[in-house]
Amino acid sequence: MSSSGFFSGLMQTISTRSRAMFARKDPLALTADVRPDFAVLFEALLSGRGEASGVARAREILDLWQAVDDVQKRDFLCLLARDFGPPLDRLEAAIDAYRAEPGPATLGNLHKVSEPRRQELLRRLNLAPGGIITLVAMREFLLQAKRDEPILDALDDDFEHLFSSWFNRGFLVLQRIDWSTPANVLERIIRYEAVHQIHGWDELRRRLAPPDRRLYAFFHPQLIEDPLIFVEVALAQDIPATIQGVLAEQRDQVDPARATTAVFYSISNTQVGSSRRSSSTTCLIRKLPKEMPLRPTWVFEIE
């Protein structure tokens, strides 16, 4: 299958168009004594009304995020967590209004004003071309930084809340990966395998080419060349005693039509910041029986 054919097939299953991703040719050069005033930029993004200017501002902020050092990245996140929570005066007023007159209207207003301002800020940052991948990287940095900065826990909750929608199972695309998949995707499979390392192209071929092997990946509409999660499956006639038997170079292949067992022996999350792994096996359990005439036994852990 050609590269264009693979990605055309992938995109045909997506109900909405992904925005074109681009990066500035000339990255911002910042010296150690130049510190962007992110608070001013955040307020400008939140107060903006025009879509075009908002997208440009969002891209500017994300470019600055990528250009600054780790200390300034941490300060960026702490600023979001500390100064861009719910508007307390409006929140207190909404609480008082609900207590005085409980009902759908006052409850709805309370729900609305209790949302941290940083959630809307993150939504607007996501409008920038390439925004989603930068926000995933930001979340990955956050997961490390919050170990020393408890204030970041609330910001992490905001990311989790937003990503649960942006990376919803219904929004992701499940695609089978095989030996005809474009090389740039296969290279990422080798690089990101986190459970049972793949030592080069020959070993990858042994996991993809045989008829009793399956590899599936989940793609996001804006990340069509980067699988978010991929799952390796071995079809068998019984439950393997050890993983060595599954990965052995010399083994007897199984006719898929006679397979009774599906062994999910590796699940790798390529984008730690997205944290969307829980639905992968459910999707595969629905897909695999269409390829197997016998009702399989599912095996998720072998050693």
C-alpha atoms as a PDB file:
ATOM      1  CA  MET A   1       0.000   0.000   0.000  1.00  0.00           C
ATOM      2  CA  SER A   2       1.368   3.461  -0.877  1.00  0.00           C
ATOM      3  CA  SER A   3       1.825   6.155   1.746  1.00  0.00           C
ATOM      4  CA  SER A   4      -0.869   8.298   0.149  1.00  0.00           C
ATOM      5  CA  GLY A   5      -3.261   5.353   0.074  1.00  0.00           C
ATOM      6  CA  PHE A   6      -2.730   4.590   3.758  1.00  0.00           C
ATOM      7  CA  PHE A   7      -3.381   8.134   4.922  1.00  0.00           C
ATOM      8  CA  SER A   8      -6.277   8.647   2.529  1.00  0.00           C
ATOM      9  CA  GLY A   9      -7.935   5.561   3.954  1.00  0.00           C
ATOM     10  CA  LEU A  10      -7.290   6.758   7.470  1.00  0.00           C
ATOM     11  CA  MET A  11      -8.719  10.210   6.898  1.00  0.00           C
ATOM     12  CA  GLN A  12     -11.852   8.877   5.190  1.00  0.00           C
ATOM     13  CA  THR A  13     -12.910   7.371   8.516  1.00  0.00           C
ATOM     14  CA  ILE A  14     -12.723  10.707  10.311  1.00  0.00           C
ATOM     15  CA  SER A  15     -15.926  12.719  10.353  1.00  0.00           C
ATOM     16  CA  THR A  16     -14.278  16.122  10.761  1.00  0.00           C
ATOM     17  CA  ARG A  17     -11.348  17.624   8.964  1.00  0.00           C
ATOM     18  CA  SER A  18      -8.131  17.992  10.872  1.00  0.00           C
ATOM     19  CA  ARG A  19      -6.642  21.444  10.757  1.00  0.00           C
ATOM     20  CA  ALA A  20      -3.440  21.764   8.770  1.00  0.00           C
ATOM     21  CA  MET A  21      -0.401  21.601  11.003  1.00  0.00           C
ATOM     22  CA  PHE A  22       2.492  23.953  10.460  1.00  0.00           C
ATOM     23  CA  ALA A  23       5.509  25.240  12.321  1.00  0.00           C
ATOM     24  CA  ARG A  24       7.264  28.567  11.985  1.00  0.00           C
ATOM     25  CA  LYS A  25      10.393  28.371   9.903  1.00  0.00           C
ATOM     26  CA  ASP A  26      12.207  30.784  12.204  1.00  0.00           C
ATOM     27  CA  PRO A  27      11.749  29.688  15.830  1.00  0.00           C
ATOM     28  CA  LEU A  28      11.775  32.437  18.392  1.00  0.00           C
ATOM     29  CA  ALA A  29      15.218  33.034  19.782  1.00  0.00           C
ATOM     30  CA  LEU A  30      15.115  33.977  23.449  1.00  0.00           C
ATOM     31  CA  THR A  31      18.107  34.833  25.584  1.00  0.00           C
ATOM     32  CA  ALA A  32      18.368  34.032  29.262  1.00  0.00           C
ATOM     33  CA  ASP A  33      17.577  37.643  30.253  1.00  0.00           C
ATOM     34  CA  VAL A  34      14.387  37.825  28.157  1.00  0.00           C
ATOM     35  CA  ARG A  35      11.316  36.419  29.878  1.00  0.00           C
ATOM     36  CA  PRO A  36       7.961  36.561  28.097  1.00  0.00           C
ATOM     37  CA  ASP A  37       5.153  38.133  30.105  1.00  0.00           C
ATOM     38  CA  PHE A  38       2.845  35.146  29.852  1.00  0.00           C
ATOM     39  CA  ALA A  39       0.231  36.688  32.155  1.00  0.00           C
ATOM     40  CA  VAL A  40      -0.323  39.533  29.674  1.00  0.00           C
ATOM     41  CA  LEU A  41      -0.419  37.097  26.754  1.00  0.00           C
ATOM     42  CA  PHE A  42      -2.925  34.865  28.544  1.00  0.00           C
ATOM     43  CA  GLU A  43      -5.249  37.776  29.261  1.00  0.00           C
ATOM     44  CA  ALA A  44      -4.974  38.961  25.676  1.00  0.00           C
ATOM     45  CA  LEU A  45      -5.909  35.510  24.388  1.00  0.00           C
ATOM     46  CA  LEU A  46      -8.880  35.227  26.751  1.00  0.00           C
ATOM     47  CA  SER A  47     -10.181  38.699  25.945  1.00  0.00           C
ATOM     48  CA  GLY A  48      -9.809  38.401  22.173  1.00  0.00           C
ATOM     49  CA  ARG A  49     -12.934  38.123  20.038  1.00  0.00           C
ATOM     50  CA  GLY A  50     -11.641  37.622  16.499  1.00  0.00           C
ATOM     51  CA  GLU A  51     -10.906  34.032  15.497  1.00  0.00           C
ATOM     52  CA  ALA A  52      -7.958  34.857  13.246  1.00  0.00           C
ATOM     53  CA  SER A  53      -6.238  37.050  15.816  1.00  0.00           C
ATOM     54  CA  GLY A  54      -6.954  34.468  18.526  1.00  0.00           C
ATOM     55  CA  VAL A  55      -5.341  31.689  16.484  1.00  0.00           C
ATOM     56  CA  ALA A  56      -2.281  33.870  15.858  1.00  0.00           C
ATOM     57  CA  ARG A  57      -2.028  34.732  19.556  1.00  0.00           C
ATOM     58  CA  ALA A  58      -2.380  31.092  20.548  1.00  0.00           C
ATOM     59  CA  ARG A  59       0.382  30.099  18.127  1.00  0.00           C
ATOM     60  CA  GLU A  60       2.597  32.862  19.543  1.00  0.00           C
ATOM     61  CA  ILE A  61       2.119  31.577  23.094  1.00  0.00           C
ATOM     62  CA  LEU A  62       2.840  27.993  22.074  1.00  0.00           C
ATOM     63  CA  ASP A  63       5.949  29.064  20.145  1.00  0.00           C
ATOM     64  CA  LEU A  64       7.164  30.884  23.248  1.00  0.00           C
ATOM     65  CA  TRP A  65       6.437  27.818  25.395  1.00  0.00           C
ATOM     66  CA  GLN A  66       8.589  25.688  23.115  1.00  0.00           C
ATOM     67  CA  ALA A  67      11.390  28.263  23.075  1.00  0.00           C
ATOM     68  CA  VAL A  68      11.827  28.885  26.817  1.00  0.00           C
ATOM     69  CA  ASP A  69      13.884  26.731  29.188  1.00  0.00           C
ATOM     70  CA  ASP A  70      12.511  24.249  31.715  1.00  0.00           C
ATOM     71  CA  VAL A  71      12.482  26.764  34.562  1.00  0.00           C
ATOM     72  CA  GLN A  72      10.305  29.153  32.561  1.00  0.00           C
ATOM     73  CA  LYS A  73       8.111  26.260  31.437  1.00  0.00           C
ATOM     74  CA  ARG A  74       7.496  25.417  35.084  1.00  0.00           C
ATOM     75  CA  ASP A  75       6.730  29.069  35.840  1.00  0.00           C
ATOM     76  CA  PHE A  76       4.293  29.093  32.895  1.00  0.00           C
ATOM     77  CA  LEU A  77       2.386  26.150  34.361  1.00  0.00           C
ATOM     78  CA  CYS A  78       2.423  27.514  37.909  1.00  0.00           C
ATOM     79  CA  LEU A  79       1.054  30.829  36.611  1.00  0.00           C
ATOM     80  CA  LEU A  80      -1.848  28.976  34.990  1.00  0.00           C
ATOM     81  CA  ALA A  81      -2.535  26.982  38.148  1.00  0.00           C
ATOM     82  CA  ARG A  82      -2.246  29.919  40.551  1.00  0.00           C
ATOM     83  CA  ASP A  83      -3.785  32.881  38.730  1.00  0.00           C
ATOM     84  CA  PHE A  84      -6.229  31.436  36.210  1.00  0.00           C
ATOM     85  CA  GLY A  85      -8.677  29.518  38.361  1.00  0.00           C
ATOM     86  CA  PRO A  86     -12.390  30.341  38.692  1.00  0.00           C
ATOM     87  CA  PRO A  87     -13.285  34.042  39.196  1.00  0.00           C
ATOM     88  CA  LEU A  88     -13.809  33.922  42.963  1.00  0.00           C
ATOM     89  CA  ASP A  89     -16.101  36.943  43.234  1.00  0.00           C
ATOM     90  CA  ARG A  90     -18.491  35.556  40.625  1.00  0.00           C
ATOM     91  CA  LEU A  91     -18.226  32.087  42.128  1.00  0.00           C
ATOM     92  CA  GLU A  92     -19.193  33.339  45.613  1.00  0.00           C
ATOM     93  CA  ALA A  93     -22.106  35.269  44.121  1.00  0.00           C
ATOM     94  CA  ALA A  94     -23.288  32.166  42.245  1.00  0.00           C
ATOM     95  CA  ILE A  95     -23.076  30.064  45.415  1.00  0.00           C
ATOM     96  CA  ASP A  96     -25.149  32.631  47.318  1.00  0.00           C
ATOM     97  CA  ALA A  97     -27.706  32.766  44.498  1.00  0.00           C
ATOM     98  CA  TYR A  98     -28.069  28.991  44.460  1.00  0.00           C
ATOM     99  CA  ARG A  99     -28.466  28.821  48.235  1.00  0.00           C
ATOM    100  CA  ALA A 100     -31.125  31.530  48.090  1.00  0.00           C
ATOM    101  CA  GLU A 101     -33.021  29.951  45.218  1.00  0.00           C
ATOM    102  CA  PRO A 102     -31.986  26.375  44.338  1.00  0.00           C
ATOM    103  CA  GLY A 103     -32.995  25.403  40.814  1.00  0.00           C
ATOM    104  CA  PRO A 104     -31.779  24.591  37.310  1.00  0.00           C
ATOM    105  CA  ALA A 105     -31.000  28.207  36.425  1.00  0.00           C
ATOM    106  CA  THR A 106     -28.900  29.021  39.483  1.00  0.00           C
ATOM    107  CA  LEU A 107     -27.268  25.587  39.388  1.00  0.00           C
ATOM    108  CA  GLY A 108     -26.357  26.045  35.722  1.00  0.00           C
ATOM    109  CA  ASN A 109     -24.836  29.435  36.453  1.00  0.00           C
ATOM    110  CA  LEU A 110     -22.882  27.978  39.372  1.00  0.00           C
ATOM    111  CA  HIS A 111     -21.538  25.242  37.139  1.00  0.00           C
ATOM    112  CA  LYS A 112     -20.539  27.777  34.488  1.00  0.00           C
ATOM    113  CA  VAL A 113     -18.658  30.169  36.737  1.00  0.00           C
ATOM    114  CA  SER A 114     -16.932  27.378  38.697  1.00  0.00           C
ATOM    115  CA  GLU A 115     -14.912  26.387  35.624  1.00  0.00           C
ATOM    116  CA  PRO A 116     -11.295  27.581  35.904  1.00  0.00           C
ATOM    117  CA  ARG A 117     -10.382  30.265  33.387  1.00  0.00           C
ATOM    118  CA  ARG A 118      -7.371  28.181  32.389  1.00  0.00           C
ATOM    119  CA  GLN A 119      -9.665  25.583  30.817  1.00  0.00           C
ATOM    120  CA  GLU A 120     -10.924  28.146  28.313  1.00  0.00           C
ATOM    121  CA  LEU A 121      -7.332  29.261  27.820  1.00  0.00           C
ATOM    122  CA  LEU A 122      -6.281  25.709  26.966  1.00  0.00           C
ATOM    123  CA  ARG A 123      -9.213  25.395  24.554  1.00  0.00           C
ATOM    124  CA  ARG A 124      -8.079  28.538  22.750  1.00  0.00           C
ATOM    125  CA  LEU A 125      -4.480  27.346  22.638  1.00  0.00           C
ATOM    126  CA  ASN A 126      -5.764  24.184  20.993  1.00  0.00           C
ATOM    127  CA  LEU A 127      -7.133  26.296  18.112  1.00  0.00           C
ATOM    128  CA  ALA A 128      -3.595  27.018  16.931  1.00  0.00           C
ATOM    129  CA  PRO A 129      -2.335  24.828  14.085  1.00  0.00           C
ATOM    130  CA  GLY A 130      -0.337  22.067  15.742  1.00  0.00           C
ATOM    131  CA  GLY A 131      -1.821  23.051  19.093  1.00  0.00           C
ATOM    132  CA  ILE A 132      -2.854  19.579  20.188  1.00  0.00           C
ATOM    133  CA  ILE A 133       0.610  18.023  19.947  1.00  0.00           C
ATOM    134  CA  THR A 134       2.152  20.959  21.837  1.00  0.00           C
ATOM    135  CA  LEU A 135      -0.467  20.640  24.583  1.00  0.00           C
ATOM    136  CA  VAL A 136       0.235  16.915  24.850  1.00  0.00           C
ATOM    137  CA  ALA A 137       3.937  17.716  25.294  1.00  0.00           C
ATOM    138  CA  MET A 138       2.989  20.379  27.846  1.00  0.00           C
ATOM    139  CA  ARG A 139       0.974  17.820  29.810  1.00  0.00           C
ATOM    140  CA  GLU A 140       3.899  15.397  29.718  1.00  0.00           C
ATOM    141  CA  PHE A 141       6.161  18.102  31.170  1.00  0.00           C
ATOM    142  CA  LEU A 142       3.484  18.859  33.767  1.00  0.00           C
ATOM    143  CA  LEU A 143       3.378  15.236  34.932  1.00  0.00           C
ATOM    144  CA  GLN A 144       7.058  15.484  35.801  1.00  0.00           C
ATOM    145  CA  ALA A 145       6.919  19.006  37.250  1.00  0.00           C
ATOM    146  CA  LYS A 146       3.984  18.391  39.589  1.00  0.00           C
ATOM    147  CA  ARG A 147       6.062  15.995  41.661  1.00  0.00           C
ATOM    148  CA  ASP A 148       7.764  19.085  43.114  1.00  0.00           C
ATOM    149  CA  GLU A 149       4.906  21.552  42.639  1.00  0.00           C
ATOM    150  CA  PRO A 150       1.669  20.391  44.333  1.00  0.00           C
ATOM    151  CA  ILE A 151      -0.100  23.483  43.003  1.00  0.00           C
ATOM    152  CA  LEU A 152       0.000  21.841  39.570  1.00  0.00           C
ATOM    153  CA  ASP A 153      -2.366  19.033  40.578  1.00  0.00           C
ATOM    154  CA  ALA A 154      -5.395  21.206  39.793  1.00  0.00           C
ATOM    155  CA  LEU A 155      -3.983  22.093  36.371  1.00  0.00           C
ATOM    156  CA  ASP A 156      -3.412  18.403  35.688  1.00  0.00           C
ATOM    157  CA  ASP A 157      -7.082  17.793  36.483  1.00  0.00           C
ATOM    158  CA  ASP A 158      -7.977  20.414  33.861  1.00  0.00           C
ATOM    159  CA  PHE A 159      -5.846  18.688  31.239  1.00  0.00           C
ATOM    160  CA  GLU A 160      -7.416  15.351  32.122  1.00  0.00           C
ATOM    161  CA  HIS A 161     -10.895  16.833  31.822  1.00  0.00           C
ATOM    162  CA  LEU A 162     -10.231  18.391  28.417  1.00  0.00           C
ATOM    163  CA  PHE A 163      -8.260  15.472  27.005  1.00  0.00           C
ATOM    164  CA  SER A 164     -11.044  13.070  27.956  1.00  0.00           C
ATOM    165  CA  SER A 165     -13.116  14.871  25.309  1.00  0.00           C
ATOM    166  CA  TRP A 166     -10.411  15.646  22.761  1.00  0.00           C
ATOM    167  CA  PHE A 167      -9.120  12.064  22.819  1.00  0.00           C
ATOM    168  CA  ASN A 168     -12.513  10.447  23.214  1.00  0.00           C
ATOM    169  CA  ARG A 169     -12.692   6.905  21.842  1.00  0.00           C
ATOM    170  CA  GLY A 170     -15.312   7.955  19.322  1.00  0.00           C
ATOM    171  CA  PHE A 171     -12.972  10.634  17.999  1.00  0.00           C
ATOM    172  CA  LEU A 172      -9.952   8.351  17.577  1.00  0.00           C
ATOM    173  CA  VAL A 173      -9.449   6.131  14.559  1.00  0.00           C
ATOM    174  CA  LEU A 174      -8.439   2.493  14.919  1.00  0.00           C
ATOM    175  CA  GLN A 175      -6.242   1.351  12.043  1.00  0.00           C
ATOM    176  CA  ARG A 176      -4.551  -1.986  11.436  1.00  0.00           C
ATOM    177  CA  ILE A 177      -0.784  -1.700  10.898  1.00  0.00           C
ATOM    178  CA  ASP A 178       0.913  -4.234   8.641  1.00  0.00           C
ATOM    179  CA  TRP A 179       4.102  -4.603   6.638  1.00  0.00           C
ATOM    180  CA  SER A 180       2.661  -2.427   3.844  1.00  0.00           C
ATOM    181  CA  THR A 181       2.085   0.543   6.202  1.00  0.00           C
ATOM    182  CA  PRO A 182       4.270   3.587   5.329  1.00  0.00           C
ATOM    183  CA  ALA A 183       7.788   3.441   6.738  1.00  0.00           C
ATOM    184  CA  ASN A 184       7.479   6.622   8.808  1.00  0.00           C
ATOM    185  CA  VAL A 185       4.669   5.033  10.831  1.00  0.00           C
ATOM    186  CA  LEU A 186       6.557   1.732  11.173  1.00  0.00           C
ATOM    187  CA  GLU A 187       9.605   3.626  12.443  1.00  0.00           C
ATOM    188  CA  ARG A 188       7.477   5.094  15.208  1.00  0.00           C
ATOM    189  CA  ILE A 189       6.280   1.618  16.184  1.00  0.00           C
ATOM    190  CA  ILE A 190       9.906   0.515  16.630  1.00  0.00           C
ATOM    191  CA  ARG A 191      10.754   3.667  18.575  1.00  0.00           C
ATOM    192  CA  TYR A 192       7.733   3.715  20.882  1.00  0.00           C
ATOM    193  CA  GLU A 193       7.389   0.020  21.749  1.00  0.00           C
ATOM    194  CA  ALA A 194       7.433   0.188  25.553  1.00  0.00           C
ATOM    195  CA  VAL A 195       6.745  -3.380  26.678  1.00  0.00           C
ATOM    196  CA  HIS A 196       8.776  -5.762  24.509  1.00  0.00           C
ATOM    197  CA  GLN A 197      11.448  -3.795  22.670  1.00  0.00           C
ATOM    198  CA  ILE A 198      11.700  -4.232  18.903  1.00  0.00           C
ATOM    199  CA  HIS A 199      15.317  -4.637  17.833  1.00  0.00           C
ATOM    200  CA  GLY A 200      15.169  -3.458  14.252  1.00  0.00           C
ATOM    201  CA  TRP A 201      13.231  -4.090  11.059  1.00  0.00           C
ATOM    202  CA  ASP A 202      13.610  -7.876  10.990  1.00  0.00           C
ATOM    203  CA  GLU A 203      11.969  -8.232  14.381  1.00  0.00           C
ATOM    204  CA  LEU A 204       9.229  -5.781  13.435  1.00  0.00           C
ATOM    205  CA  ARG A 205       8.500  -7.877  10.353  1.00  0.00           C
ATOM    206  CA  ARG A 206       8.108 -10.971  12.544  1.00  0.00           C
ATOM    207  CA  ARG A 207       5.448  -9.109  14.525  1.00  0.00           C
ATOM    208  CA  LEU A 208       3.568  -7.821  11.490  1.00  0.00           C
ATOM    209  CA  ALA A 209       3.927 -10.132   8.516  1.00  0.00           C
ATOM    210  CA  PRO A 210       2.784 -13.575   9.785  1.00  0.00           C
ATOM    211  CA  PRO A 211      -0.947 -14.259   9.318  1.00  0.00           C
ATOM    212  CA  ASP A 212      -1.397 -14.967  13.052  1.00  0.00           C
ATOM    213  CA  ARG A 213      -0.076 -11.574  14.162  1.00  0.00           C
ATOM    214  CA  ARG A 214      -1.972  -8.294  14.443  1.00  0.00           C
ATOM    215  CA  LEU A 215      -0.932  -4.756  15.323  1.00  0.00           C
ATOM    216  CA  TYR A 216      -3.495  -1.979  15.690  1.00  0.00           C
ATOM    217  CA  ALA A 217      -2.923   1.712  16.300  1.00  0.00           C
ATOM    218  CA  PHE A 218      -5.167   4.575  17.387  1.00  0.00           C
ATOM    219  CA  PHE A 219      -4.773   7.862  15.526  1.00  0.00           C
ATOM    220  CA  HIS A 220      -6.030  11.351  16.276  1.00  0.00           C
ATOM    221  CA  PRO A 221      -7.339  13.496  13.362  1.00  0.00           C
ATOM    222  CA  GLN A 222      -4.587  16.073  13.906  1.00  0.00           C
ATOM    223  CA  LEU A 223      -1.838  13.497  14.400  1.00  0.00           C
ATOM    224  CA  ILE A 224      -2.330  11.188  11.448  1.00  0.00           C
ATOM    225  CA  GLU A 225       1.323  10.116  11.251  1.00  0.00           C
ATOM    226  CA  ASP A 226       1.757   9.585  14.985  1.00  0.00           C
ATOM    227  CA  PRO A 227      -0.139   6.696  16.607  1.00  0.00           C
ATOM    228  CA  LEU A 228      -1.309   7.568  20.106  1.00  0.00           C
ATOM    229  CA  ILE A 229      -1.563   3.971  21.243  1.00  0.00           C
ATOM    230  CA  PHE A 230      -0.718   0.723  19.552  1.00  0.00           C
ATOM    231  CA  VAL A 231      -1.597  -2.802  20.567  1.00  0.00           C
ATOM    232  CA  GLU A 232       0.129  -6.026  19.507  1.00  0.00           C
ATOM    233  CA  VAL A 233      -1.955  -9.200  19.322  1.00  0.00           C
ATOM    234  CA  ALA A 234      -0.973 -12.829  18.775  1.00  0.00           C
ATOM    235  CA  LEU A 235      -3.587 -15.294  17.549  1.00  0.00           C
ATOM    236  CA  ALA A 236      -3.181 -18.779  19.026  1.00  0.00           C
ATOM    237  CA  GLN A 237      -4.962 -22.086  19.581  1.00  0.00           C
ATOM    238  CA  ASP A 238      -4.304 -22.079  23.324  1.00  0.00           C
ATOM    239  CA  ILE A 239      -3.000 -19.792  26.051  1.00  0.00           C
ATOM    240  CA  PRO A 240       0.804 -19.416  25.781  1.00  0.00           C
ATOM    241  CA  ALA A 241       2.789 -20.426  28.839  1.00  0.00           C
ATOM    242  CA  THR A 242       5.349 -17.610  28.464  1.00  0.00           C
ATOM    243  CA  ILE A 243       5.923 -14.496  26.393  1.00  0.00           C
ATOM    244  CA  GLN A 244       9.074 -16.113  24.997  1.00  0.00           C
ATOM    245  CA  GLY A 245       6.891 -18.535  23.072  1.00  0.00           C
ATOM    246  CA  VAL A 246       4.963 -15.657  21.539  1.00  0.00           C
ATOM    247  CA  LEU A 247       8.075 -13.714  20.504  1.00  0.00           C
ATOM    248  CA  ALA A 248      10.223 -16.689  19.450  1.00  0.00           C
ATOM    249  CA  GLU A 249      11.899 -16.296  16.071  1.00  0.00           C
ATOM    250  CA  GLN A 250      11.328 -19.969  15.231  1.00  0.00           C
ATOM    251  CA  ARG A 251       7.756 -21.006  15.987  1.00  0.00           C
ATOM    252  CA  ASP A 252       4.810 -22.728  14.379  1.00  0.00           C
ATOM    253  CA  GLN A 253       2.377 -20.296  12.831  1.00  0.00           C
ATOM    254  CA  VAL A 254      -1.344 -20.623  13.483  1.00  0.00           C
ATOM    255  CA  ASP A 255      -4.030 -20.531  10.844  1.00  0.00           C
ATOM    256  CA  PRO A 256      -6.167 -17.503  11.848  1.00  0.00           C
ATOM    257  CA  ALA A 257      -9.293 -19.436  10.870  1.00  0.00           C
ATOM    258  CA  ARG A 258      -8.479 -21.996  13.576  1.00  0.00           C
ATOM    259  CA  ALA A 259      -7.354 -19.540  16.252  1.00  0.00           C
ATOM    260  CA  THR A 260      -9.269 -19.666  19.529  1.00  0.00           C
ATOM    261  CA  THR A 261      -7.144 -17.292  21.608  1.00  0.00           C
ATOM    262  CA  ALA A 262      -6.157 -13.642  21.169  1.00  0.00           C
ATOM    263  CA  VAL A 263      -3.145 -12.656  23.246  1.00  0.00           C
ATOM    264  CA  PHE A 264      -2.787  -8.911  23.838  1.00  0.00           C
ATOM    265  CA  TYR A 265       0.897  -9.038  24.675  1.00  0.00           C
ATOM    266  CA  SER A 266       1.874  -5.376  24.327  1.00  0.00           C
ATOM    267  CA  ILE A 267       0.031  -2.064  24.723  1.00  0.00           C
ATOM    268  CA  SER A 268       2.194   1.049  24.225  1.00  0.00           C
ATOM    269  CA  ASN A 269       1.141   4.651  24.825  1.00  0.00           C
ATOM    270  CA  THR A 270       3.286   6.809  22.548  1.00  0.00           C
ATOM    271  CA  GLN A 271       2.108  10.161  23.938  1.00  0.00           C
ATOM    272  CA  VAL A 272       2.314  10.040  27.726  1.00  0.00           C
ATOM    273  CA  GLY A 273       0.665  13.432  28.046  1.00  0.00           C
ATOM    274  CA  SER A 274      -2.553  12.282  26.387  1.00  0.00           C
ATOM    275  CA  SER A 275      -3.170   9.456  28.923  1.00  0.00           C
ATOM    276  CA  ARG A 276      -5.788   7.763  26.763  1.00  0.00           C
ATOM    277  CA  ARG A 277      -5.253   4.015  27.062  1.00  0.00           C
ATOM    278  CA  SER A 278      -8.259   2.520  28.807  1.00  0.00           C
ATOM    279  CA  SER A 279     -10.513   2.094  25.754  1.00  0.00           C
ATOM    280  CA  SER A 280      -7.999   0.408  23.438  1.00  0.00           C
ATOM    281  CA  THR A 281      -8.689  -3.196  24.365  1.00  0.00           C
ATOM    282  CA  THR A 282     -12.463  -2.651  24.261  1.00  0.00           C
ATOM    283  CA  CYS A 283     -12.215  -1.411  20.670  1.00  0.00           C
ATOM    284  CA  LEU A 284     -10.092  -4.383  19.677  1.00  0.00           C
ATOM    285  CA  ILE A 285     -12.379  -6.927  21.315  1.00  0.00           C
ATOM    286  CA  ARG A 286     -15.149  -5.560  19.097  1.00  0.00           C
ATOM    287  CA  LYS A 287     -12.995  -5.636  15.966  1.00  0.00           C
ATOM    288  CA  LEU A 288     -11.150  -8.948  16.191  1.00  0.00           C
ATOM    289  CA  PRO A 289     -14.135 -11.338  16.170  1.00  0.00           C
ATOM    290  CA  LYS A 290     -14.985 -10.083  12.658  1.00  0.00           C
ATOM    291  CA  GLU A 291     -11.672 -11.588  11.528  1.00  0.00           C
ATOM    292  CA  MET A 292     -11.947 -14.822  13.526  1.00  0.00           C
ATOM    293  CA  PRO A 293     -14.672 -17.414  12.888  1.00  0.00           C
ATOM    294  CA  LEU A 294     -14.347 -18.856  16.392  1.00  0.00           C
ATOM    295  CA  ARG A 295     -15.175 -16.903  19.536  1.00  0.00           C
ATOM    296  CA  PRO A 296     -11.747 -16.217  21.020  1.00  0.00           C
ATOM    297  CA  THR A 297     -10.457 -16.351  24.563  1.00  0.00           C
ATOM    298  CA  TRP A 298      -8.885 -13.028  25.503  1.00  0.00           C
ATOM    299  CA  VAL A 299      -5.507 -13.069  27.266  1.00  0.00           C
ATOM    300  CA  PHE A 300      -4.056  -9.779  28.486  1.00  0.00           C
ATOM    301  CA  GLU A 301      -1.116 -10.751  30.696  1.00  0.00           C
ATOM    302  CA  ILE A 302       1.585 -13.366  30.207  1.00  0.00           C
ATOM    303  CA  GLU A 303       5.123 -13.432  31.518  1.00  0.00           C
END
